[in-house]
Amino acid sequence: MEEWTPSLDWSRFQQGPVSAAMWSDFRRLVYESNLYRHYKACSAEARRMSRVKGISERDTRSSRKCWEREQRENDEKWHEAEFRAHSILLQIAALGSNSGQGTPDWDFSSALIGAVGSLQKQEQCDFSVTAIDQFDATVFFQAPGGYFHNRTV
């Protein structure tokens, strides 16, 4: 299976008032989140295809094994991206906490954690929320409540 790399145009991402360290971690989170979303979708498709009936019994068995292998490979890459994204989210939480309540880093990390999910259990997180293709932190801080929605902010 070929490696997939998100094609992100970082010029469509604007740092705004968050610190350089927070911004760096956020960009890493966006990258891993895009991997997460991609491989999760590929895994679901391979899982679906492994149940498709073939023309003959022999074709069905060999096709099913091929799709099941692809599903396992995609599952592995999906969970690896999920693990890395969760590790980055923990770093973002620490940066926000260390910056102090009311600072841009605090507000930004709080919004990210609220949107993605649990800091304790990575399997309860939805990193597809941060699988975005553009972001402007200045606009984010001007929005009421500062939150992540759709695919752009």
C-alpha atoms as a PDB file:
ATOM      1  CA  MET A   1       0.000   0.000   0.000  1.00  0.00           C
ATOM      2  CA  GLU A   2       1.265   3.445  -0.896  1.00  0.00           C
ATOM      3  CA  GLU A   3       1.769   6.099   1.739  1.00  0.00           C
ATOM      4  CA  TRP A   4      -0.674   8.979   1.530  1.00  0.00           C
ATOM      5  CA  THR A   5       0.349  12.522   2.380  1.00  0.00           C
ATOM      6  CA  PRO A   6      -2.144  15.329   2.954  1.00  0.00           C
ATOM      7  CA  SER A   7      -1.695  18.140   0.471  1.00  0.00           C
ATOM      8  CA  LEU A   8      -2.127  21.118   2.753  1.00  0.00           C
ATOM      9  CA  ASP A   9      -1.518  24.655   1.541  1.00  0.00           C
ATOM     10  CA  TRP A  10      -0.127  26.216   4.724  1.00  0.00           C
ATOM     11  CA  SER A  11      -0.488  29.706   3.234  1.00  0.00           C
ATOM     12  CA  ARG A  12      -4.240  29.254   3.897  1.00  0.00           C
ATOM     13  CA  PHE A  13      -3.517  29.049   7.646  1.00  0.00           C
ATOM     14  CA  GLN A  14      -3.023  32.272   9.612  1.00  0.00           C
ATOM     15  CA  GLN A  15      -1.470  32.226  13.088  1.00  0.00           C
ATOM     16  CA  GLY A  16      -3.167  35.229  14.603  1.00  0.00           C
ATOM     17  CA  PRO A  17      -2.502  35.883  18.317  1.00  0.00           C
ATOM     18  CA  VAL A  18      -1.465  32.352  19.402  1.00  0.00           C
ATOM     19  CA  SER A  19       2.156  31.688  20.331  1.00  0.00           C
ATOM     20  CA  ALA A  20       4.646  30.190  17.890  1.00  0.00           C
ATOM     21  CA  ALA A  21       4.847  26.987  19.969  1.00  0.00           C
ATOM     22  CA  MET A  22       1.048  26.624  20.001  1.00  0.00           C
ATOM     23  CA  TRP A  23       0.865  27.309  16.269  1.00  0.00           C
ATOM     24  CA  SER A  24       3.534  24.724  15.511  1.00  0.00           C
ATOM     25  CA  ASP A  25       1.687  22.069  17.513  1.00  0.00           C
ATOM     26  CA  PHE A  26      -1.622  23.065  15.916  1.00  0.00           C
ATOM     27  CA  ARG A  27      -0.159  22.588  12.440  1.00  0.00           C
ATOM     28  CA  ARG A  28       1.142  19.163  13.458  1.00  0.00           C
ATOM     29  CA  LEU A  29      -2.335  18.325  14.817  1.00  0.00           C
ATOM     30  CA  VAL A  30      -3.975  19.390  11.537  1.00  0.00           C
ATOM     31  CA  TYR A  31      -1.546  17.213   9.569  1.00  0.00           C
ATOM     32  CA  GLU A  32      -2.129  14.127  11.744  1.00  0.00           C
ATOM     33  CA  SER A  33      -5.879  14.779  11.776  1.00  0.00           C
ATOM     34  CA  ASN A  34      -5.956  14.731   7.985  1.00  0.00           C
ATOM     35  CA  LEU A  35      -4.099  11.402   8.034  1.00  0.00           C
ATOM     36  CA  TYR A  36      -6.576  10.132  10.630  1.00  0.00           C
ATOM     37  CA  ARG A  37      -9.593  11.093   8.540  1.00  0.00           C
ATOM     38  CA  HIS A  38      -8.128   9.673   5.323  1.00  0.00           C
ATOM     39  CA  TYR A  39      -7.129   6.277   6.717  1.00  0.00           C
ATOM     40  CA  LYS A  40     -10.345   5.937   8.716  1.00  0.00           C
ATOM     41  CA  ALA A  41     -12.341   6.431   5.490  1.00  0.00           C
ATOM     42  CA  CYS A  42     -10.081   4.002   3.589  1.00  0.00           C
ATOM     43  CA  SER A  43     -10.530   1.422   6.327  1.00  0.00           C
ATOM     44  CA  ALA A  44     -14.314   1.755   6.200  1.00  0.00           C
ATOM     45  CA  GLU A  45     -14.279   1.362   2.414  1.00  0.00           C
ATOM     46  CA  ALA A  46     -12.034  -1.716   2.582  1.00  0.00           C
ATOM     47  CA  ARG A  47     -14.292  -3.181   5.279  1.00  0.00           C
ATOM     48  CA  ARG A  48     -17.304  -2.611   3.025  1.00  0.00           C
ATOM     49  CA  MET A  49     -15.578  -4.079  -0.023  1.00  0.00           C
ATOM     50  CA  SER A  50     -14.532  -7.209   1.881  1.00  0.00           C
ATOM     51  CA  ARG A  51     -18.228  -8.071   2.179  1.00  0.00           C
ATOM     52  CA  VAL A  52     -19.037  -7.616  -1.520  1.00  0.00           C
ATOM     53  CA  LYS A  53     -19.991 -10.850  -3.288  1.00  0.00           C
ATOM     54  CA  GLY A  54     -17.803 -11.855  -6.255  1.00  0.00           C
ATOM     55  CA  ILE A  55     -18.624 -13.801  -9.405  1.00  0.00           C
ATOM     56  CA  SER A  56     -17.223 -17.083  -8.189  1.00  0.00           C
ATOM     57  CA  GLU A  57     -16.444 -18.588  -4.808  1.00  0.00           C
ATOM     58  CA  ARG A  58     -12.707 -18.480  -5.581  1.00  0.00           C
ATOM     59  CA  ASP A  59     -12.815 -14.822  -6.686  1.00  0.00           C
ATOM     60  CA  THR A  60     -14.778 -13.938  -3.583  1.00  0.00           C
ATOM     61  CA  ARG A  61     -12.276 -15.563  -1.243  1.00  0.00           C
ATOM     62  CA  SER A  62      -9.173 -14.022  -2.824  1.00  0.00           C
ATOM     63  CA  SER A  63     -10.823 -10.592  -3.136  1.00  0.00           C
ATOM     64  CA  ARG A  64     -12.025 -10.739   0.449  1.00  0.00           C
ATOM     65  CA  LYS A  65      -8.526 -11.583   1.699  1.00  0.00           C
ATOM     66  CA  CYS A  66      -7.075  -8.705  -0.292  1.00  0.00           C
ATOM     67  CA  TRP A  67      -9.642  -6.237   1.066  1.00  0.00           C
ATOM     68  CA  GLU A  68      -9.242  -7.549   4.610  1.00  0.00           C
ATOM     69  CA  ARG A  69      -5.468  -7.067   4.371  1.00  0.00           C
ATOM     70  CA  GLU A  70      -5.981  -3.541   3.085  1.00  0.00           C
ATOM     71  CA  GLN A  71      -8.457  -2.879   5.887  1.00  0.00           C
ATOM     72  CA  ARG A  72      -5.932  -4.038   8.524  1.00  0.00           C
ATOM     73  CA  GLU A  73      -3.212  -1.851   7.001  1.00  0.00           C
ATOM     74  CA  ASN A  74      -5.533   1.172   6.940  1.00  0.00           C
ATOM     75  CA  ASP A  75      -6.689   0.454  10.506  1.00  0.00           C
ATOM     76  CA  GLU A  76      -3.073   0.428  11.637  1.00  0.00           C
ATOM     77  CA  LYS A  77      -2.279   3.745   9.921  1.00  0.00           C
ATOM     78  CA  TRP A  78      -5.534   5.272  11.207  1.00  0.00           C
ATOM     79  CA  HIS A  79      -4.751   4.304  14.813  1.00  0.00           C
ATOM     80  CA  GLU A  80      -1.140   5.457  14.504  1.00  0.00           C
ATOM     81  CA  ALA A  81      -2.338   8.875  13.302  1.00  0.00           C
ATOM     82  CA  GLU A  82      -4.911   8.910  16.121  1.00  0.00           C
ATOM     83  CA  PHE A  83      -2.181   8.170  18.684  1.00  0.00           C
ATOM     84  CA  ARG A  84       0.117  10.894  17.330  1.00  0.00           C
ATOM     85  CA  ALA A  85      -2.748  13.417  17.151  1.00  0.00           C
ATOM     86  CA  HIS A  86      -3.730  12.662  20.741  1.00  0.00           C
ATOM     87  CA  SER A  87      -0.127  13.120  21.888  1.00  0.00           C
ATOM     88  CA  ILE A  88      -0.060  16.508  20.160  1.00  0.00           C
ATOM     89  CA  LEU A  89      -3.407  17.429  21.751  1.00  0.00           C
ATOM     90  CA  LEU A  90      -1.880  16.685  25.169  1.00  0.00           C
ATOM     91  CA  GLN A  91       1.043  18.993  24.325  1.00  0.00           C
ATOM     92  CA  ILE A  92      -1.401  21.698  23.236  1.00  0.00           C
ATOM     93  CA  ALA A  93      -3.291  21.300  26.533  1.00  0.00           C
ATOM     94  CA  ALA A  94      -0.040  21.706  28.467  1.00  0.00           C
ATOM     95  CA  LEU A  95       0.917  24.813  26.476  1.00  0.00           C
ATOM     96  CA  GLY A  96      -2.508  26.334  27.075  1.00  0.00           C
ATOM     97  CA  SER A  97      -2.432  25.506  30.757  1.00  0.00           C
ATOM     98  CA  ASN A  98       1.072  26.908  31.212  1.00  0.00           C
ATOM     99  CA  SER A  99       0.163  30.162  29.456  1.00  0.00           C
ATOM    100  CA  GLY A 100      -2.549  30.974  31.992  1.00  0.00           C
ATOM    101  CA  GLN A 101      -6.285  31.472  31.857  1.00  0.00           C
ATOM    102  CA  GLY A 102      -7.521  34.209  29.550  1.00  0.00           C
ATOM    103  CA  THR A 103      -4.541  34.136  27.189  1.00  0.00           C
ATOM    104  CA  PRO A 104      -4.963  33.320  23.483  1.00  0.00           C
ATOM    105  CA  ASP A 105      -3.142  29.996  23.966  1.00  0.00           C
ATOM    106  CA  TRP A 106      -5.455  29.060  26.849  1.00  0.00           C
ATOM    107  CA  ASP A 107      -8.597  29.914  24.883  1.00  0.00           C
ATOM    108  CA  PHE A 108      -7.319  28.187  21.749  1.00  0.00           C
ATOM    109  CA  SER A 109      -6.340  24.974  23.538  1.00  0.00           C
ATOM    110  CA  SER A 110      -9.644  24.917  25.434  1.00  0.00           C
ATOM    111  CA  ALA A 111     -11.588  25.225  22.180  1.00  0.00           C
ATOM    112  CA  LEU A 112      -9.531  22.467  20.545  1.00  0.00           C
ATOM    113  CA  ILE A 113     -10.009  20.089  23.456  1.00  0.00           C
ATOM    114  CA  GLY A 114     -13.721  20.871  23.592  1.00  0.00           C
ATOM    115  CA  ALA A 115     -14.104  20.191  19.881  1.00  0.00           C
ATOM    116  CA  VAL A 116     -11.959  17.049  19.638  1.00  0.00           C
ATOM    117  CA  GLY A 117     -12.786  15.307  22.898  1.00  0.00           C
ATOM    118  CA  SER A 118     -11.247  13.547  25.868  1.00  0.00           C
ATOM    119  CA  LEU A 119      -7.690  14.106  27.001  1.00  0.00           C
ATOM    120  CA  GLN A 120      -7.841  10.815  28.912  1.00  0.00           C
ATOM    121  CA  LYS A 121      -9.045   8.456  26.169  1.00  0.00           C
ATOM    122  CA  GLN A 122      -7.841   8.953  22.611  1.00  0.00           C
ATOM    123  CA  GLU A 123     -10.463   6.547  21.229  1.00  0.00           C
ATOM    124  CA  GLN A 124     -13.151   8.998  22.387  1.00  0.00           C
ATOM    125  CA  CYS A 125     -11.636  11.817  20.336  1.00  0.00           C
ATOM    126  CA  ASP A 126     -12.824  12.822  16.888  1.00  0.00           C
ATOM    127  CA  PHE A 127      -9.791  14.161  15.092  1.00  0.00           C
ATOM    128  CA  SER A 128     -11.781  14.647  11.894  1.00  0.00           C
ATOM    129  CA  VAL A 129     -12.853  17.944  13.528  1.00  0.00           C
ATOM    130  CA  THR A 130      -9.323  19.283  13.118  1.00  0.00           C
ATOM    131  CA  ALA A 131      -8.786  17.740   9.662  1.00  0.00           C
ATOM    132  CA  ILE A 132      -9.203  21.166   8.104  1.00  0.00           C
ATOM    133  CA  ASP A 133      -7.753  22.736   4.980  1.00  0.00           C
ATOM    134  CA  GLN A 134      -7.686  26.378   6.057  1.00  0.00           C
ATOM    135  CA  PHE A 135      -7.779  28.337   9.282  1.00  0.00           C
ATOM    136  CA  ASP A 136      -7.439  31.916  10.423  1.00  0.00           C
ATOM    137  CA  ALA A 137      -6.833  32.274  14.155  1.00  0.00           C
ATOM    138  CA  THR A 138      -7.745  35.961  14.081  1.00  0.00           C
ATOM    139  CA  VAL A 139     -11.189  35.111  12.705  1.00  0.00           C
ATOM    140  CA  PHE A 140     -11.427  32.278  15.232  1.00  0.00           C
ATOM    141  CA  PHE A 141     -10.944  34.686  18.142  1.00  0.00           C
ATOM    142  CA  GLN A 142     -13.470  37.132  16.687  1.00  0.00           C
ATOM    143  CA  ALA A 143     -16.178  34.446  16.402  1.00  0.00           C
ATOM    144  CA  PRO A 144     -18.581  34.238  19.342  1.00  0.00           C
ATOM    145  CA  GLY A 145     -17.268  31.565  21.685  1.00  0.00           C
ATOM    146  CA  GLY A 146     -14.404  30.657  19.338  1.00  0.00           C
ATOM    147  CA  TYR A 147     -15.194  27.202  18.082  1.00  0.00           C
ATOM    148  CA  PHE A 148     -14.331  24.775  15.309  1.00  0.00           C
ATOM    149  CA  HIS A 149     -17.015  23.949  12.781  1.00  0.00           C
ATOM    150  CA  ASN A 150     -17.380  22.638   9.238  1.00  0.00           C
ATOM    151  CA  ARG A 151     -14.005  22.480   7.504  1.00  0.00           C
ATOM    152  CA  THR A 152     -12.941  26.108   7.659  1.00  0.00           C
ATOM    153  CA  VAL A 153     -12.753  28.909  10.164  1.00  0.00           C
END
